[in-house]
Amino acid sequence: MLSIEQLTEQIMLLSSSDRALLAQRIIESLSFDNDRYTEANSLFNEALRLAKLYQYRAAREKLRQAKQLFAAIGLDDMVEKCNRSINEIN
């Protein structure tokens, strides 16, 4: 893995148009991850609401969906939180 300094050096070797394109891709990626986080968090909260209404099957499904999204964006702590919630419902 590159250090921040090494990465900065590599980026500076790019042309200005390539640096602009890289910056745009990073922004798009962050925006996409934010959208997935928002959806995953919504699913998680919906699952908790369903569990309080004794709709356990639907709650587990929402938790599984949230878990997949959290895993896709690398939020391992939230994946574990989903796992704990699923186990508590079972």
PDB file of N, CA and C in Angstrom:
ATOM      1  N   MET A   1       0.846  -1.168   0.000  1.00  0.00           N
ATOM      2  CA  MET A   1       0.000   0.000   0.000  1.00  0.00           C
ATOM      3  C   MET A   1       0.893   1.234   0.000  1.00  0.00           C
ATOM      4  N   LEU A   2       0.477   2.227  -0.750  1.00  0.00           N
ATOM      5  CA  LEU A   2       1.240   3.475  -0.834  1.00  0.00           C
ATOM      6  C   LEU A   2       0.977   4.367   0.376  1.00  0.00           C
ATOM      7  N   SER A   3       2.013   5.098   0.761  1.00  0.00           N
ATOM      8  CA  SER A   3       1.822   6.094   1.804  1.00  0.00           C
ATOM      9  C   SER A   3       1.141   7.314   1.184  1.00  0.00           C
ATOM     10  N   ILE A   4       0.687   8.218   2.013  1.00  0.00           N
ATOM     11  CA  ILE A   4       0.055   9.449   1.521  1.00  0.00           C
ATOM     12  C   ILE A   4       1.038  10.227   0.656  1.00  0.00           C
ATOM     13  N   GLU A   5       2.290  10.283   1.093  1.00  0.00           N
ATOM     14  CA  GLU A   5       3.310  11.018   0.344  1.00  0.00           C
ATOM     15  C   GLU A   5       3.537  10.396  -1.031  1.00  0.00           C
ATOM     16  N   GLN A   6       3.633   9.064  -1.076  1.00  0.00           N
ATOM     17  CA  GLN A   6       3.836   8.377  -2.350  1.00  0.00           C
ATOM     18  C   GLN A   6       2.633   8.578  -3.273  1.00  0.00           C
ATOM     19  N   LEU A   7       1.455   8.504  -2.724  1.00  0.00           N
ATOM     20  CA  LEU A   7       0.252   8.709  -3.515  1.00  0.00           C
ATOM     21  C   LEU A   7       0.204  10.124  -4.062  1.00  0.00           C
ATOM     22  N   THR A   8       0.551  11.092  -3.231  1.00  0.00           N
ATOM     23  CA  THR A   8       0.580  12.494  -3.661  1.00  0.00           C
ATOM     24  C   THR A   8       1.564  12.676  -4.803  1.00  0.00           C
ATOM     25  N   GLU A   9       2.743  12.065  -4.699  1.00  0.00           N
ATOM     26  CA  GLU A   9       3.744  12.145  -5.762  1.00  0.00           C
ATOM     27  C   GLU A   9       3.197  11.567  -7.070  1.00  0.00           C
ATOM     28  N   GLN A  10       2.523  10.426  -6.974  1.00  0.00           N
ATOM     29  CA  GLN A  10       1.960   9.790  -8.166  1.00  0.00           C
ATOM     30  C   GLN A  10       0.877  10.661  -8.802  1.00  0.00           C
ATOM     31  N   ILE A  11       0.058  11.268  -7.978  1.00  0.00           N
ATOM     32  CA  ILE A  11      -1.009  12.135  -8.484  1.00  0.00           C
ATOM     33  C   ILE A  11      -0.415  13.353  -9.184  1.00  0.00           C
ATOM     34  N   MET A  12       0.653  13.897  -8.626  1.00  0.00           N
ATOM     35  CA  MET A  12       1.269  15.083  -9.211  1.00  0.00           C
ATOM     36  C   MET A  12       1.905  14.790 -10.564  1.00  0.00           C
ATOM     37  N   LEU A  13       2.191  13.523 -10.853  1.00  0.00           N
ATOM     38  CA  LEU A  13       2.735  13.153 -12.153  1.00  0.00           C
ATOM     39  C   LEU A  13       1.669  13.146 -13.241  1.00  0.00           C
ATOM     40  N   LEU A  14       0.410  13.130 -12.844  1.00  0.00           N
ATOM     41  CA  LEU A  14      -0.685  13.147 -13.812  1.00  0.00           C
ATOM     42  C   LEU A  14      -0.824  14.533 -14.430  1.00  0.00           C
ATOM     43  N   SER A  15      -1.362  14.563 -15.632  1.00  0.00           N
ATOM     44  CA  SER A  15      -1.652  15.856 -16.252  1.00  0.00           C
ATOM     45  C   SER A  15      -2.782  16.520 -15.478  1.00  0.00           C
ATOM     46  N   SER A  16      -2.953  17.811 -15.656  1.00  0.00           N
ATOM     47  CA  SER A  16      -3.999  18.524 -14.916  1.00  0.00           C
ATOM     48  C   SER A  16      -5.381  17.991 -15.282  1.00  0.00           C
ATOM     49  N   SER A  17      -5.590  17.613 -16.541  1.00  0.00           N
ATOM     50  CA  SER A  17      -6.904  17.077 -16.918  1.00  0.00           C
ATOM     51  C   SER A  17      -7.134  15.708 -16.283  1.00  0.00           C
ATOM     52  N   ASP A  18      -6.085  14.893 -16.182  1.00  0.00           N
ATOM     53  CA  ASP A  18      -6.217  13.589 -15.520  1.00  0.00           C
ATOM     54  C   ASP A  18      -6.458  13.752 -14.021  1.00  0.00           C
ATOM     55  N   ARG A  19      -5.808  14.755 -13.401  1.00  0.00           N
ATOM     56  CA  ARG A  19      -6.058  15.024 -11.977  1.00  0.00           C
ATOM     57  C   ARG A  19      -7.504  15.460 -11.760  1.00  0.00           C
ATOM     58  N   ALA A  20      -8.036  16.274 -12.673  1.00  0.00           N
ATOM     59  CA  ALA A  20      -9.427  16.719 -12.566  1.00  0.00           C
ATOM     60  C   ALA A  20     -10.372  15.524 -12.704  1.00  0.00           C
ATOM     61  N   LEU A  21     -10.068  14.634 -13.640  1.00  0.00           N
ATOM     62  CA  LEU A  21     -10.895  13.437 -13.829  1.00  0.00           C
ATOM     63  C   LEU A  21     -10.830  12.542 -12.591  1.00  0.00           C
ATOM     64  N   LEU A  22      -9.647  12.382 -12.019  1.00  0.00           N
ATOM     65  CA  LEU A  22      -9.492  11.588 -10.802  1.00  0.00           C
ATOM     66  C   LEU A  22     -10.303  12.193  -9.663  1.00  0.00           C
ATOM     67  N   ALA A  23     -10.229  13.495  -9.514  1.00  0.00           N
ATOM     68  CA  ALA A  23     -10.990  14.173  -8.454  1.00  0.00           C
ATOM     69  C   ALA A  23     -12.484  13.954  -8.650  1.00  0.00           C
ATOM     70  N   GLN A  24     -12.953  14.041  -9.881  1.00  0.00           N
ATOM     71  CA  GLN A  24     -14.372  13.827 -10.171  1.00  0.00           C
ATOM     72  C   GLN A  24     -14.792  12.399  -9.821  1.00  0.00           C
ATOM     73  N   ARG A  25     -13.950  11.426 -10.166  1.00  0.00           N
ATOM     74  CA  ARG A  25     -14.256  10.026  -9.852  1.00  0.00           C
ATOM     75  C   ARG A  25     -14.314   9.794  -8.341  1.00  0.00           C
ATOM     76  N   ILE A  26     -13.424  10.434  -7.609  1.00  0.00           N
ATOM     77  CA  ILE A  26     -13.427  10.290  -6.151  1.00  0.00           C
ATOM     78  C   ILE A  26     -14.710  10.875  -5.577  1.00  0.00           C
ATOM     79  N   ILE A  27     -15.092  12.043  -6.058  1.00  0.00           N
ATOM     80  CA  ILE A  27     -16.326  12.677  -5.593  1.00  0.00           C
ATOM     81  C   ILE A  27     -17.535  11.803  -5.910  1.00  0.00           C
ATOM     82  N   GLU A  28     -17.587  11.246  -7.125  1.00  0.00           N
ATOM     83  CA  GLU A  28     -18.696  10.364  -7.498  1.00  0.00           C
ATOM     84  C   GLU A  28     -18.731   9.134  -6.604  1.00  0.00           C
ATOM     85  N   SER A  29     -17.568   8.587  -6.307  1.00  0.00           N
ATOM     86  CA  SER A  29     -17.497   7.403  -5.456  1.00  0.00           C
ATOM     87  C   SER A  29     -18.000   7.707  -4.056  1.00  0.00           C
ATOM     88  N   LEU A  30     -17.590   8.839  -3.508  1.00  0.00           N
ATOM     89  CA  LEU A  30     -18.037   9.216  -2.172  1.00  0.00           C
ATOM     90  C   LEU A  30     -19.540   9.445  -2.143  1.00  0.00           C
ATOM     91  N   SER A  31     -20.055  10.067  -3.191  1.00  0.00           N
ATOM     92  CA  SER A  31     -21.497  10.318  -3.276  1.00  0.00           C
ATOM     93  C   SER A  31     -22.256   8.997  -3.355  1.00  0.00           C
ATOM     94  N   PHE A  32     -21.747   8.062  -4.153  1.00  0.00           N
ATOM     95  CA  PHE A  32     -22.383   6.759  -4.296  1.00  0.00           C
ATOM     96  C   PHE A  32     -22.388   6.033  -2.959  1.00  0.00           C
ATOM     97  N   ASP A  33     -21.247   6.061  -2.250  1.00  0.00           N
ATOM     98  CA  ASP A  33     -21.183   5.412  -0.939  1.00  0.00           C
ATOM     99  C   ASP A  33     -22.134   6.067   0.043  1.00  0.00           C
ATOM    100  N   ASN A  34     -22.283   7.376  -0.035  1.00  0.00           N
ATOM    101  CA  ASN A  34     -23.209   8.080   0.853  1.00  0.00           C
ATOM    102  C   ASN A  34     -24.647   7.630   0.580  1.00  0.00           C
ATOM    103  N   ASP A  35     -24.984   7.467  -0.702  1.00  0.00           N
ATOM    104  CA  ASP A  35     -26.322   6.990  -1.059  1.00  0.00           C
ATOM    105  C   ASP A  35     -26.559   5.583  -0.513  1.00  0.00           C
ATOM    106  N   ARG A  36     -25.553   4.716  -0.659  1.00  0.00           N
ATOM    107  CA  ARG A  36     -25.693   3.343  -0.153  1.00  0.00           C
ATOM    108  C   ARG A  36     -25.770   3.331   1.370  1.00  0.00           C
ATOM    109  N   TYR A  37     -25.005   4.212   2.024  1.00  0.00           N
ATOM    110  CA  TYR A  37     -25.067   4.287   3.482  1.00  0.00           C
ATOM    111  C   TYR A  37     -26.460   4.732   3.922  1.00  0.00           C
ATOM    112  N   THR A  38     -26.988   5.742   3.258  1.00  0.00           N
ATOM    113  CA  THR A  38     -28.321   6.244   3.606  1.00  0.00           C
ATOM    114  C   THR A  38     -29.360   5.140   3.446  1.00  0.00           C
ATOM    115  N   GLU A  39     -29.266   4.388   2.351  1.00  0.00           N
ATOM    116  CA  GLU A  39     -30.215   3.289   2.130  1.00  0.00           C
ATOM    117  C   GLU A  39     -30.049   2.196   3.178  1.00  0.00           C
ATOM    118  N   ALA A  40     -28.814   1.831   3.474  1.00  0.00           N
ATOM    119  CA  ALA A  40     -28.562   0.788   4.469  1.00  0.00           C
ATOM    120  C   ALA A  40     -29.058   1.205   5.844  1.00  0.00           C
ATOM    121  N   ASN A  41     -28.799   2.435   6.209  1.00  0.00           N
ATOM    122  CA  ASN A  41     -29.240   2.933   7.508  1.00  0.00           C
ATOM    123  C   ASN A  41     -30.764   2.949   7.594  1.00  0.00           C
ATOM    124  N   SER A  42     -31.400   3.315   6.500  1.00  0.00           N
ATOM    125  CA  SER A  42     -32.867   3.317   6.439  1.00  0.00           C
ATOM    126  C   SER A  42     -33.413   1.897   6.620  1.00  0.00           C
ATOM    127  N   LEU A  43     -32.797   0.936   5.941  1.00  0.00           N
ATOM    128  CA  LEU A  43     -33.214  -0.461   6.072  1.00  0.00           C
ATOM    129  C   LEU A  43     -33.030  -0.956   7.507  1.00  0.00           C
ATOM    130  N   PHE A  44     -31.916  -0.579   8.111  1.00  0.00           N
ATOM    131  CA  PHE A  44     -31.645  -0.991   9.482  1.00  0.00           C
ATOM    132  C   PHE A  44     -32.710  -0.447  10.431  1.00  0.00           C
ATOM    133  N   ASN A  45     -33.008   0.827  10.297  1.00  0.00           N
ATOM    134  CA  ASN A  45     -34.016   1.441  11.169  1.00  0.00           C
ATOM    135  C   ASN A  45     -35.408   0.855  10.927  1.00  0.00           C
ATOM    136  N   GLU A  46     -35.717   0.553   9.676  1.00  0.00           N
ATOM    137  CA  GLU A  46     -37.000  -0.080   9.350  1.00  0.00           C
ATOM    138  C   GLU A  46     -37.079  -1.456  10.000  1.00  0.00           C
ATOM    139  N   ALA A  47     -35.968  -2.184  10.001  1.00  0.00           N
ATOM    140  CA  ALA A  47     -35.934  -3.506  10.629  1.00  0.00           C
ATOM    141  C   ALA A  47     -36.228  -3.410  12.128  1.00  0.00           C
ATOM    142  N   LEU A  48     -35.645  -2.419  12.776  1.00  0.00           N
ATOM    143  CA  LEU A  48     -35.902  -2.253  14.205  1.00  0.00           C
ATOM    144  C   LEU A  48     -37.372  -1.936  14.463  1.00  0.00           C
ATOM    145  N   ARG A  49     -37.947  -1.115  13.611  1.00  0.00           N
ATOM    146  CA  ARG A  49     -39.370  -0.778  13.747  1.00  0.00           C
ATOM    147  C   ARG A  49     -40.229  -2.028  13.560  1.00  0.00           C
ATOM    148  N   LEU A  50     -39.911  -2.831  12.544  1.00  0.00           N
ATOM    149  CA  LEU A  50     -40.670  -4.054  12.292  1.00  0.00           C
ATOM    150  C   LEU A  50     -40.553  -5.041  13.452  1.00  0.00           C
ATOM    151  N   ALA A  51     -39.376  -5.139  14.031  1.00  0.00           N
ATOM    152  CA  ALA A  51     -39.181  -6.049  15.168  1.00  0.00           C
ATOM    153  C   ALA A  51     -40.049  -5.632  16.344  1.00  0.00           C
ATOM    154  N   LYS A  52     -40.180  -4.330  16.566  1.00  0.00           N
ATOM    155  CA  LYS A  52     -41.039  -3.847  17.658  1.00  0.00           C
ATOM    156  C   LYS A  52     -42.509  -4.171  17.408  1.00  0.00           C
ATOM    157  N   LEU A  53     -42.851  -4.350  16.128  1.00  0.00           N
ATOM    158  CA  LEU A  53     -44.227  -4.703  15.758  1.00  0.00           C
ATOM    159  C   LEU A  53     -44.401  -6.219  15.642  1.00  0.00           C
ATOM    160  N   TYR A  54     -43.393  -6.974  16.113  1.00  0.00           N
ATOM    161  CA  TYR A  54     -43.411  -8.445  16.089  1.00  0.00           C
ATOM    162  C   TYR A  54     -43.417  -9.020  14.679  1.00  0.00           C
ATOM    163  N   GLN A  55     -42.959  -8.255  13.712  1.00  0.00           N
ATOM    164  CA  GLN A  55     -42.856  -8.734  12.329  1.00  0.00           C
ATOM    165  C   GLN A  55     -41.410  -9.191  12.096  1.00  0.00           C
ATOM    166  N   TYR A  56     -41.073 -10.297  12.738  1.00  0.00           N
ATOM    167  CA  TYR A  56     -39.684 -10.740  12.797  1.00  0.00           C
ATOM    168  C   TYR A  56     -39.116 -11.172  11.449  1.00  0.00           C
ATOM    169  N   ARG A  57     -39.885 -11.864  10.652  1.00  0.00           N
ATOM    170  CA  ARG A  57     -39.388 -12.318   9.350  1.00  0.00           C
ATOM    171  C   ARG A  57     -39.018 -11.123   8.473  1.00  0.00           C
ATOM    172  N   ALA A  58     -39.897 -10.139   8.411  1.00  0.00           N
ATOM    173  CA  ALA A  58     -39.639  -8.939   7.609  1.00  0.00           C
ATOM    174  C   ALA A  58     -38.451  -8.160   8.181  1.00  0.00           C
ATOM    175  N   ALA A  59     -38.353  -8.118   9.497  1.00  0.00           N
ATOM    176  CA  ALA A  59     -37.240  -7.408  10.146  1.00  0.00           C
ATOM    177  C   ALA A  59     -35.908  -8.067   9.798  1.00  0.00           C
ATOM    178  N   ARG A  60     -35.860  -9.402   9.855  1.00  0.00           N
ATOM    179  CA  ARG A  60     -34.618 -10.113   9.501  1.00  0.00           C
ATOM    180  C   ARG A  60     -34.229  -9.849   8.057  1.00  0.00           C
ATOM    181  N   GLU A  61     -35.202  -9.817   7.164  1.00  0.00           N
ATOM    182  CA  GLU A  61     -34.906  -9.562   5.746  1.00  0.00           C
ATOM    183  C   GLU A  61     -34.340  -8.156   5.556  1.00  0.00           C
ATOM    184  N   LYS A  62     -34.909  -7.183   6.212  1.00  0.00           N
ATOM    185  CA  LYS A  62     -34.394  -5.802   6.122  1.00  0.00           C
ATOM    186  C   LYS A  62     -32.970  -5.732   6.676  1.00  0.00           C
ATOM    187  N   LEU A  63     -32.724  -6.438   7.766  1.00  0.00           N
ATOM    188  CA  LEU A  63     -31.375  -6.464   8.341  1.00  0.00           C
ATOM    189  C   LEU A  63     -30.380  -7.114   7.393  1.00  0.00           C
ATOM    190  N   ARG A  64     -30.787  -8.179   6.716  1.00  0.00           N
ATOM    191  CA  ARG A  64     -29.895  -8.826   5.740  1.00  0.00           C
ATOM    192  C   ARG A  64     -29.577  -7.882   4.581  1.00  0.00           C
ATOM    193  N   GLN A  65     -30.578  -7.148   4.132  1.00  0.00           N
ATOM    194  CA  GLN A  65     -30.352  -6.183   3.058  1.00  0.00           C
ATOM    195  C   GLN A  65     -29.412  -5.064   3.514  1.00  0.00           C
ATOM    196  N   ALA A  66     -29.636  -4.561   4.709  1.00  0.00           N
ATOM    197  CA  ALA A  66     -28.772  -3.511   5.259  1.00  0.00           C
ATOM    198  C   ALA A  66     -27.345  -4.030   5.404  1.00  0.00           C
ATOM    199  N   LYS A  67     -27.218  -5.257   5.894  1.00  0.00           N
ATOM    200  CA  LYS A  67     -25.904  -5.866   6.092  1.00  0.00           C
ATOM    201  C   LYS A  67     -25.123  -5.940   4.781  1.00  0.00           C
ATOM    202  N   GLN A  68     -25.792  -6.318   3.698  1.00  0.00           N
ATOM    203  CA  GLN A  68     -25.127  -6.395   2.393  1.00  0.00           C
ATOM    204  C   GLN A  68     -24.615  -5.027   1.951  1.00  0.00           C
ATOM    205  N   LEU A  69     -25.432  -4.011   2.130  1.00  0.00           N
ATOM    206  CA  LEU A  69     -25.010  -2.666   1.737  1.00  0.00           C
ATOM    207  C   LEU A  69     -23.868  -2.158   2.617  1.00  0.00           C
ATOM    208  N   PHE A  70     -23.970  -2.366   3.923  1.00  0.00           N
ATOM    209  CA  PHE A  70     -22.887  -1.945   4.815  1.00  0.00           C
ATOM    210  C   PHE A  70     -21.586  -2.665   4.452  1.00  0.00           C
ATOM    211  N   ALA A  71     -21.669  -3.946   4.125  1.00  0.00           N
ATOM    212  CA  ALA A  71     -20.478  -4.708   3.735  1.00  0.00           C
ATOM    213  C   ALA A  71     -19.880  -4.161   2.443  1.00  0.00           C
ATOM    214  N   ALA A  72     -20.737  -3.797   1.510  1.00  0.00           N
ATOM    215  CA  ALA A  72     -20.270  -3.289   0.216  1.00  0.00           C
ATOM    216  C   ALA A  72     -19.490  -1.988   0.343  1.00  0.00           C
ATOM    217  N   ILE A  73     -19.806  -1.199   1.365  1.00  0.00           N
ATOM    218  CA  ILE A  73     -19.077   0.062   1.544  1.00  0.00           C
ATOM    219  C   ILE A  73     -18.038  -0.030   2.658  1.00  0.00           C
ATOM    220  N   GLY A  74     -17.830  -1.250   3.169  1.00  0.00           N
ATOM    221  CA  GLY A  74     -16.739  -1.485   4.096  1.00  0.00           C
ATOM    222  C   GLY A  74     -16.978  -1.062   5.535  1.00  0.00           C
ATOM    223  N   LEU A  75     -18.240  -1.001   5.950  1.00  0.00           N
ATOM    224  CA  LEU A  75     -18.544  -0.621   7.332  1.00  0.00           C
ATOM    225  C   LEU A  75     -18.742  -1.878   8.176  1.00  0.00           C
ATOM    226  N   ASP A  76     -17.609  -2.478   8.546  1.00  0.00           N
ATOM    227  CA  ASP A  76     -17.628  -3.748   9.265  1.00  0.00           C
ATOM    228  C   ASP A  76     -18.336  -3.661  10.608  1.00  0.00           C
ATOM    229  N   ASP A  77     -18.236  -2.523  11.277  1.00  0.00           N
ATOM    230  CA  ASP A  77     -18.911  -2.384  12.563  1.00  0.00           C
ATOM    231  C   ASP A  77     -20.424  -2.441  12.401  1.00  0.00           C
ATOM    232  N   MET A  78     -20.936  -1.883  11.310  1.00  0.00           N
ATOM    233  CA  MET A  78     -22.379  -1.934  11.057  1.00  0.00           C
ATOM    234  C   MET A  78     -22.809  -3.335  10.598  1.00  0.00           C
ATOM    235  N   VAL A  79     -21.936  -4.020   9.882  1.00  0.00           N
ATOM    236  CA  VAL A  79     -22.225  -5.414   9.499  1.00  0.00           C
ATOM    237  C   VAL A  79     -22.392  -6.244  10.770  1.00  0.00           C
ATOM    238  N   GLU A  80     -21.483  -6.048  11.723  1.00  0.00           N
ATOM    239  CA  GLU A  80     -21.568  -6.781  12.991  1.00  0.00           C
ATOM    240  C   GLU A  80     -22.820  -6.388  13.775  1.00  0.00           C
ATOM    241  N   LYS A  81     -23.174  -5.124  13.725  1.00  0.00           N
ATOM    242  CA  LYS A  81     -24.398  -4.670  14.402  1.00  0.00           C
ATOM    243  C   LYS A  81     -25.629  -5.344  13.784  1.00  0.00           C
ATOM    244  N   CYS A  82     -25.630  -5.487  12.468  1.00  0.00           N
ATOM    245  CA  CYS A  82     -26.728  -6.198  11.796  1.00  0.00           C
ATOM    246  C   CYS A  82     -26.752  -7.656  12.235  1.00  0.00           C
ATOM    247  N   ASN A  83     -25.579  -8.283  12.285  1.00  0.00           N
ATOM    248  CA  ASN A  83     -25.509  -9.683  12.721  1.00  0.00           C
ATOM    249  C   ASN A  83     -26.060  -9.853  14.133  1.00  0.00           C
ATOM    250  N   ARG A  84     -25.672  -8.950  15.038  1.00  0.00           N
ATOM    251  CA  ARG A  84     -26.180  -9.031  16.414  1.00  0.00           C
ATOM    252  C   ARG A  84     -27.700  -8.865  16.443  1.00  0.00           C
ATOM    253  N   SER A  85     -28.203  -7.934  15.663  1.00  0.00           N
ATOM    254  CA  SER A  85     -29.643  -7.700  15.639  1.00  0.00           C
ATOM    255  C   SER A  85     -30.387  -8.905  15.073  1.00  0.00           C
ATOM    256  N   ILE A  86     -29.843  -9.504  14.034  1.00  0.00           N
ATOM    257  CA  ILE A  86     -30.459 -10.710  13.451  1.00  0.00           C
ATOM    258  C   ILE A  86     -30.500 -11.814  14.502  1.00  0.00           C
ATOM    259  N   ASN A  87     -29.391 -11.993  15.219  1.00  0.00           N
ATOM    260  CA  ASN A  87     -29.328 -13.040  16.244  1.00  0.00           C
ATOM    261  C   ASN A  87     -30.295 -12.764  17.395  1.00  0.00           C
ATOM    262  N   GLU A  88     -30.471 -11.516  17.742  1.00  0.00           N
ATOM    263  CA  GLU A  88     -31.410 -11.163  18.815  1.00  0.00           C
ATOM    264  C   GLU A  88     -32.859 -11.454  18.417  1.00  0.00           C
ATOM    265  N   ILE A  89     -33.155 -11.315  17.132  1.00  0.00           N
ATOM    266  CA  ILE A  89     -34.517 -11.563  16.646  1.00  0.00           C
ATOM    267  C   ILE A  89     -34.794 -13.060  16.574  1.00  0.00           C
ATOM    268  N   ASN A  90     -33.776 -13.851  16.256  1.00  0.00           N
ATOM    269  CA  ASN A  90     -33.976 -15.314  16.114  1.00  0.00           C
ATOM    270  C   ASN A  90     -34.354 -15.966  17.405  1.00  0.00           C
TER     271      ASN A  90
END
